[in-house]
Amino acid sequence: MIARVKQPIPDDAAAKKLPYRVTFVAMISGAIVIALLLVLLSMYLYNRSGAAQLDLSLPGLQEQRMKAQKTERFESFSASGPLNEDALDQFNQIYTGQQSAILQDKDGFDPDELNDEPLNISAEK
């Protein structure tokens, strides 16, 4: 019998894998660069648009955040339970109460109410 000698794997196989590795690294690097550019663009727009002035989650605005939180609670309809005449009457009563509260404030979306001055918004010009 003739003994066969195992041949080493040619370097061509390793050379074929190299472009895939370079492509993969380039793709990951490109995705990271694009993500960073989008974050920088969004932060620029966030500051430029004036939204940062309205953001009450900033650490220095804890007092204003406490003032802005609504403490008024309203009765809500239960999401569980039987759906019968009593439940429908309760829903109708809650709905009518909320509707009347909304209709009392007829000028809620009046342009004068939404100006920068009543909302304490000062935009740099």
N, C-alpha and C. Protein backbone atom coordinates (compact mmCIF):
# COMPACT_ATOMS: atom_id res chain seq x y z
N MET A 1 0.81 -1.18 0.00
CA MET A 1 0.00 0.00 0.00
C MET A 1 0.86 1.25 0.00
N ILE A 2 0.29 2.21 -0.61
CA ILE A 2 1.00 3.48 -0.68
C ILE A 2 0.45 4.38 0.42
N ALA A 3 1.32 4.89 1.21
CA ALA A 3 0.92 5.78 2.29
C ALA A 3 0.72 7.18 1.72
N ARG A 4 -0.37 7.74 2.11
CA ARG A 4 -0.66 9.10 1.64
C ARG A 4 -0.20 10.10 2.68
N VAL A 5 0.41 11.11 2.21
CA VAL A 5 0.87 12.17 3.09
C VAL A 5 -0.17 13.29 3.02
N LYS A 6 -0.61 13.71 4.20
CA LYS A 6 -1.59 14.80 4.22
C LYS A 6 -0.92 16.08 3.80
N GLN A 7 -1.53 16.71 2.86
CA GLN A 7 -1.02 17.98 2.36
C GLN A 7 -1.55 19.11 3.24
N PRO A 8 -0.73 20.08 3.57
CA PRO A 8 -1.24 21.23 4.33
C PRO A 8 -2.21 22.03 3.46
N ILE A 9 -3.14 22.69 4.14
CA ILE A 9 -4.12 23.52 3.42
C ILE A 9 -3.37 24.68 2.79
N PRO A 10 -3.60 24.88 1.51
CA PRO A 10 -2.89 25.98 0.86
C PRO A 10 -3.28 27.32 1.45
N ASP A 11 -2.40 28.27 1.30
CA ASP A 11 -2.65 29.61 1.82
C ASP A 11 -3.75 30.33 1.05
N ASP A 12 -4.20 29.75 -0.05
CA ASP A 12 -5.29 30.37 -0.81
C ASP A 12 -6.57 30.44 0.01
N ALA A 13 -6.84 29.41 0.83
CA ALA A 13 -8.04 29.40 1.66
C ALA A 13 -7.97 30.52 2.70
N ALA A 14 -6.81 30.71 3.28
CA ALA A 14 -6.65 31.81 4.25
C ALA A 14 -6.76 33.14 3.55
N ALA A 15 -6.25 33.20 2.33
CA ALA A 15 -6.32 34.45 1.58
C ALA A 15 -7.75 34.78 1.18
N LYS A 16 -8.57 33.73 0.96
CA LYS A 16 -9.98 33.97 0.60
C LYS A 16 -10.77 34.48 1.79
N LYS A 17 -10.40 34.06 3.01
CA LYS A 17 -11.12 34.50 4.21
C LYS A 17 -10.80 35.94 4.59
N LEU A 18 -9.64 36.41 4.22
CA LEU A 18 -9.20 37.75 4.59
C LEU A 18 -10.13 38.85 4.07
N PRO A 19 -10.56 38.83 2.80
CA PRO A 19 -11.48 39.89 2.35
C PRO A 19 -12.80 39.89 3.11
N TYR A 20 -13.28 38.70 3.52
CA TYR A 20 -14.52 38.65 4.28
C TYR A 20 -14.34 39.30 5.65
N ARG A 21 -13.21 39.10 6.25
CA ARG A 21 -12.94 39.71 7.55
C ARG A 21 -12.85 41.23 7.41
N VAL A 22 -12.16 41.67 6.39
CA VAL A 22 -12.02 43.12 6.16
C VAL A 22 -13.39 43.73 5.88
N THR A 23 -14.19 43.05 5.07
CA THR A 23 -15.53 43.55 4.76
C THR A 23 -16.39 43.61 6.02
N PHE A 24 -16.30 42.58 6.86
CA PHE A 24 -17.09 42.55 8.09
C PHE A 24 -16.68 43.68 9.03
N VAL A 25 -15.39 43.89 9.21
CA VAL A 25 -14.90 44.96 10.09
C VAL A 25 -15.30 46.32 9.52
N ALA A 26 -15.20 46.47 8.20
CA ALA A 26 -15.59 47.74 7.58
C ALA A 26 -17.09 47.98 7.75
N MET A 27 -17.89 46.93 7.65
CA MET A 27 -19.34 47.09 7.80
C MET A 27 -19.69 47.48 9.24
N ILE A 28 -19.09 46.84 10.21
CA ILE A 28 -19.34 47.17 11.62
C ILE A 28 -18.87 48.59 11.92
N SER A 29 -17.69 48.94 11.43
CA SER A 29 -17.16 50.29 11.65
C SER A 29 -18.06 51.33 11.00
N GLY A 30 -18.52 51.05 9.80
CA GLY A 30 -19.42 51.97 9.11
C GLY A 30 -20.73 52.17 9.86
N ALA A 31 -21.28 51.08 10.41
CA ALA A 31 -22.53 51.18 11.18
C ALA A 31 -22.32 52.03 12.43
N ILE A 32 -21.18 51.88 13.09
CA ILE A 32 -20.90 52.67 14.29
C ILE A 32 -20.73 54.14 13.93
N VAL A 33 -20.04 54.43 12.84
CA VAL A 33 -19.85 55.82 12.42
C VAL A 33 -21.18 56.46 12.05
N ILE A 34 -22.03 55.72 11.33
CA ILE A 34 -23.34 56.26 10.96
C ILE A 34 -24.19 56.52 12.20
N ALA A 35 -24.15 55.60 13.17
CA ALA A 35 -24.92 55.79 14.40
C ALA A 35 -24.43 57.03 15.16
N LEU A 36 -23.13 57.21 15.23
CA LEU A 36 -22.58 58.39 15.92
C LEU A 36 -22.98 59.68 15.20
N LEU A 37 -22.95 59.67 13.88
CA LEU A 37 -23.36 60.86 13.13
C LEU A 37 -24.83 61.18 13.35
N LEU A 38 -25.67 60.16 13.38
CA LEU A 38 -27.09 60.39 13.62
C LEU A 38 -27.35 60.91 15.03
N VAL A 39 -26.61 60.41 16.01
CA VAL A 39 -26.76 60.91 17.38
C VAL A 39 -26.31 62.37 17.46
N LEU A 40 -25.20 62.69 16.83
CA LEU A 40 -24.73 64.08 16.83
C LEU A 40 -25.73 65.00 16.14
N LEU A 41 -26.30 64.56 15.03
CA LEU A 41 -27.30 65.36 14.32
C LEU A 41 -28.54 65.55 15.18
N SER A 42 -29.00 64.50 15.84
CA SER A 42 -30.20 64.63 16.67
C SER A 42 -29.94 65.53 17.87
N MET A 43 -28.76 65.46 18.48
CA MET A 43 -28.46 66.35 19.60
C MET A 43 -28.37 67.80 19.15
N TYR A 44 -27.81 68.02 17.96
CA TYR A 44 -27.74 69.38 17.42
C TYR A 44 -29.16 69.92 17.19
N LEU A 45 -30.02 69.11 16.59
CA LEU A 45 -31.40 69.55 16.34
C LEU A 45 -32.16 69.74 17.66
N TYR A 46 -31.90 68.90 18.64
CA TYR A 46 -32.54 69.00 19.95
C TYR A 46 -32.20 70.33 20.61
N ASN A 47 -30.95 70.72 20.56
CA ASN A 47 -30.54 71.99 21.16
C ASN A 47 -30.96 73.17 20.31
N ARG A 48 -30.86 73.04 18.99
CA ARG A 48 -31.16 74.15 18.09
C ARG A 48 -32.66 74.48 18.04
N SER A 49 -33.50 73.46 18.16
CA SER A 49 -34.94 73.68 18.04
C SER A 49 -35.56 74.29 19.29
N GLY A 50 -34.87 74.27 20.39
CA GLY A 50 -35.43 74.82 21.62
C GLY A 50 -36.09 73.76 22.49
N ALA A 51 -36.09 72.51 22.04
CA ALA A 51 -36.69 71.44 22.84
C ALA A 51 -35.93 71.23 24.14
N ALA A 52 -34.65 71.53 24.15
CA ALA A 52 -33.86 71.37 25.38
C ALA A 52 -34.35 72.32 26.47
N GLN A 53 -34.89 73.46 26.06
CA GLN A 53 -35.40 74.41 27.05
C GLN A 53 -36.67 73.89 27.72
N LEU A 54 -37.41 73.04 27.02
CA LEU A 54 -38.65 72.50 27.57
C LEU A 54 -38.45 71.19 28.30
N ASP A 55 -37.27 70.63 28.24
CA ASP A 55 -37.00 69.31 28.81
C ASP A 55 -36.89 69.42 30.33
N LEU A 56 -37.88 68.91 31.02
CA LEU A 56 -37.88 68.98 32.48
C LEU A 56 -37.15 67.81 33.12
N SER A 57 -36.55 66.95 32.32
CA SER A 57 -35.82 65.83 32.89
C SER A 57 -34.37 66.21 33.20
N LEU A 58 -33.97 67.42 32.87
CA LEU A 58 -32.62 67.86 33.18
C LEU A 58 -32.46 67.97 34.69
N PRO A 59 -31.29 67.65 35.23
CA PRO A 59 -31.11 67.63 36.69
C PRO A 59 -31.37 68.97 37.37
N GLY A 60 -31.09 70.08 36.73
CA GLY A 60 -31.27 71.37 37.37
C GLY A 60 -32.70 71.85 37.43
N LEU A 61 -33.63 71.13 36.85
CA LEU A 61 -35.02 71.58 36.78
C LEU A 61 -35.95 70.74 37.64
N GLN A 62 -35.46 70.25 38.78
CA GLN A 62 -36.28 69.40 39.63
C GLN A 62 -37.47 70.17 40.22
N GLU A 63 -37.25 71.41 40.57
CA GLU A 63 -38.34 72.21 41.15
C GLU A 63 -39.45 72.44 40.13
N GLN A 64 -39.09 72.79 38.91
CA GLN A 64 -40.08 73.00 37.87
C GLN A 64 -40.80 71.70 37.51
N ARG A 65 -40.07 70.58 37.57
CA ARG A 65 -40.69 69.30 37.26
C ARG A 65 -41.76 68.97 38.30
N MET A 66 -41.48 69.27 39.55
CA MET A 66 -42.47 69.00 40.60
C MET A 66 -43.72 69.86 40.41
N LYS A 67 -43.52 71.11 39.94
CA LYS A 67 -44.67 71.99 39.70
C LYS A 67 -45.48 71.52 38.50
N ALA A 68 -44.80 70.97 37.51
CA ALA A 68 -45.47 70.57 36.28
C ALA A 68 -46.22 69.25 36.39
N GLN A 69 -45.89 68.45 37.40
CA GLN A 69 -46.57 67.17 37.54
C GLN A 69 -48.01 67.39 37.96
N LYS A 70 -48.88 66.69 37.28
CA LYS A 70 -50.31 66.81 37.61
C LYS A 70 -50.61 65.97 38.83
N THR A 71 -51.28 66.57 39.78
CA THR A 71 -51.69 65.82 40.96
C THR A 71 -53.17 65.48 40.90
N GLU A 72 -53.87 66.03 39.92
CA GLU A 72 -55.30 65.78 39.79
C GLU A 72 -55.52 64.36 39.27
N ARG A 73 -56.29 63.61 39.98
CA ARG A 73 -56.62 62.25 39.57
C ARG A 73 -58.07 62.23 39.08
N PHE A 74 -58.34 61.37 38.15
CA PHE A 74 -59.72 61.22 37.71
C PHE A 74 -60.07 59.74 37.72
N GLU A 75 -61.34 59.50 37.86
CA GLU A 75 -61.82 58.13 37.92
C GLU A 75 -61.68 57.49 36.55
N SER A 76 -61.14 56.29 36.52
CA SER A 76 -60.97 55.61 35.24
C SER A 76 -61.80 54.34 35.22
N PHE A 77 -62.03 53.87 34.03
CA PHE A 77 -62.83 52.67 33.84
C PHE A 77 -61.93 51.45 34.01
N SER A 78 -62.42 50.46 34.72
CA SER A 78 -61.63 49.26 34.99
C SER A 78 -61.44 48.45 33.70
N ALA A 79 -60.24 47.96 33.50
CA ALA A 79 -59.93 47.18 32.30
C ALA A 79 -60.31 45.72 32.47
N SER A 80 -60.67 45.32 33.65
CA SER A 80 -61.05 43.92 33.87
C SER A 80 -62.40 43.88 34.56
N GLY A 81 -63.04 42.75 34.46
CA GLY A 81 -64.33 42.58 35.09
C GLY A 81 -65.40 42.28 34.05
N PRO A 82 -66.60 42.00 34.53
CA PRO A 82 -67.67 41.65 33.59
C PRO A 82 -68.14 42.87 32.81
N LEU A 83 -68.58 42.63 31.60
CA LEU A 83 -69.11 43.70 30.75
C LEU A 83 -70.62 43.54 30.71
N ASN A 84 -71.26 44.26 31.63
CA ASN A 84 -72.71 44.18 31.74
C ASN A 84 -73.29 45.59 31.76
N GLU A 85 -74.58 45.70 32.02
CA GLU A 85 -75.25 47.01 32.01
C GLU A 85 -74.64 47.97 33.04
N ASP A 86 -74.31 47.45 34.22
CA ASP A 86 -73.72 48.30 35.26
C ASP A 86 -72.37 48.87 34.80
N ALA A 87 -71.55 48.03 34.17
CA ALA A 87 -70.24 48.47 33.69
C ALA A 87 -70.40 49.51 32.58
N LEU A 88 -71.35 49.30 31.68
CA LEU A 88 -71.59 50.26 30.61
C LEU A 88 -72.12 51.58 31.14
N ASP A 89 -72.97 51.52 32.15
CA ASP A 89 -73.47 52.75 32.78
C ASP A 89 -72.32 53.50 33.47
N GLN A 90 -71.44 52.76 34.14
CA GLN A 90 -70.29 53.40 34.79
C GLN A 90 -69.39 54.06 33.75
N PHE A 91 -69.13 53.36 32.63
CA PHE A 91 -68.30 53.94 31.57
C PHE A 91 -68.95 55.19 31.01
N ASN A 92 -70.23 55.15 30.77
CA ASN A 92 -70.95 56.31 30.21
C ASN A 92 -70.89 57.49 31.17
N GLN A 93 -70.99 57.22 32.46
CA GLN A 93 -70.93 58.29 33.46
C GLN A 93 -69.53 58.92 33.48
N ILE A 94 -68.48 58.10 33.45
CA ILE A 94 -67.11 58.61 33.45
C ILE A 94 -66.85 59.40 32.17
N TYR A 95 -67.30 58.85 31.04
CA TYR A 95 -67.09 59.50 29.74
C TYR A 95 -67.79 60.86 29.69
N THR A 96 -69.00 60.93 30.16
CA THR A 96 -69.75 62.18 30.16
C THR A 96 -69.07 63.22 31.06
N GLY A 97 -68.57 62.78 32.22
CA GLY A 97 -67.87 63.70 33.11
C GLY A 97 -66.61 64.27 32.48
N GLN A 98 -65.82 63.43 31.84
CA GLN A 98 -64.60 63.90 31.17
C GLN A 98 -64.94 64.82 30.00
N GLN A 99 -65.98 64.47 29.26
CA GLN A 99 -66.37 65.29 28.12
C GLN A 99 -66.81 66.68 28.57
N SER A 100 -67.55 66.76 29.66
CA SER A 100 -68.00 68.06 30.14
C SER A 100 -66.83 68.89 30.65
N ALA A 101 -65.82 68.24 31.26
CA ALA A 101 -64.64 68.96 31.73
C ALA A 101 -63.85 69.52 30.55
N ILE A 102 -63.77 68.77 29.46
CA ILE A 102 -63.07 69.25 28.27
C ILE A 102 -63.82 70.39 27.61
N LEU A 103 -65.13 70.29 27.55
CA LEU A 103 -65.93 71.33 26.88
C LEU A 103 -65.96 72.63 27.67
N GLN A 104 -65.66 72.60 28.97
CA GLN A 104 -65.63 73.83 29.77
C GLN A 104 -64.49 74.74 29.33
N ASP A 105 -63.39 74.15 28.88
CA ASP A 105 -62.24 74.92 28.45
C ASP A 105 -62.27 75.05 26.93
N LYS A 106 -63.11 75.96 26.44
CA LYS A 106 -63.30 76.12 25.00
C LYS A 106 -62.08 76.71 24.31
N ASP A 107 -61.34 77.55 25.01
CA ASP A 107 -60.21 78.26 24.38
C ASP A 107 -58.87 77.60 24.70
N GLY A 108 -58.86 76.31 24.94
CA GLY A 108 -57.63 75.61 25.29
C GLY A 108 -56.59 75.64 24.18
N PHE A 109 -57.04 75.66 22.93
CA PHE A 109 -56.11 75.68 21.81
C PHE A 109 -56.13 77.03 21.09
N ASP A 110 -56.52 78.05 21.80
CA ASP A 110 -56.49 79.39 21.25
C ASP A 110 -55.04 79.78 20.97
N PRO A 111 -54.75 80.36 19.80
CA PRO A 111 -53.36 80.73 19.50
C PRO A 111 -52.72 81.64 20.55
N ASP A 112 -53.52 82.47 21.21
CA ASP A 112 -52.96 83.34 22.25
C ASP A 112 -52.48 82.53 23.46
N GLU A 113 -53.13 81.40 23.73
CA GLU A 113 -52.73 80.54 24.85
C GLU A 113 -51.45 79.77 24.54
N LEU A 114 -51.17 79.54 23.26
CA LEU A 114 -50.01 78.74 22.87
C LEU A 114 -48.83 79.58 22.41
N ASN A 115 -48.85 80.88 22.65
CA ASN A 115 -47.71 81.73 22.31
C ASN A 115 -46.54 81.41 23.22
N ASP A 116 -45.38 81.92 22.86
CA ASP A 116 -44.18 81.66 23.64
C ASP A 116 -44.23 82.30 25.02
N GLU A 117 -44.84 83.47 25.12
CA GLU A 117 -44.84 84.19 26.40
C GLU A 117 -45.60 83.46 27.50
N PRO A 118 -46.85 83.01 27.29
CA PRO A 118 -47.53 82.29 28.37
C PRO A 118 -46.86 80.95 28.71
N LEU A 119 -46.18 80.36 27.73
CA LEU A 119 -45.51 79.08 27.97
C LEU A 119 -44.10 79.25 28.52
N ASN A 120 -43.66 80.49 28.69
CA ASN A 120 -42.31 80.81 29.19
C ASN A 120 -41.21 80.20 28.34
N ILE A 121 -41.36 80.34 27.04
CA ILE A 121 -40.35 79.84 26.10
C ILE A 121 -39.58 81.04 25.55
N SER A 122 -38.28 80.98 25.71
CA SER A 122 -37.45 82.04 25.15
C SER A 122 -36.48 81.40 24.16
N ALA A 123 -36.69 81.67 22.90
CA ALA A 123 -35.83 81.10 21.85
C ALA A 123 -34.82 82.14 21.43
N GLU A 124 -33.59 81.67 21.23
CA GLU A 124 -32.55 82.58 20.76
C GLU A 124 -32.80 82.89 19.29
N LYS A 125 -32.65 84.16 18.95
CA LYS A 125 -32.87 84.57 17.55
C LYS A 125 -31.63 85.20 16.99
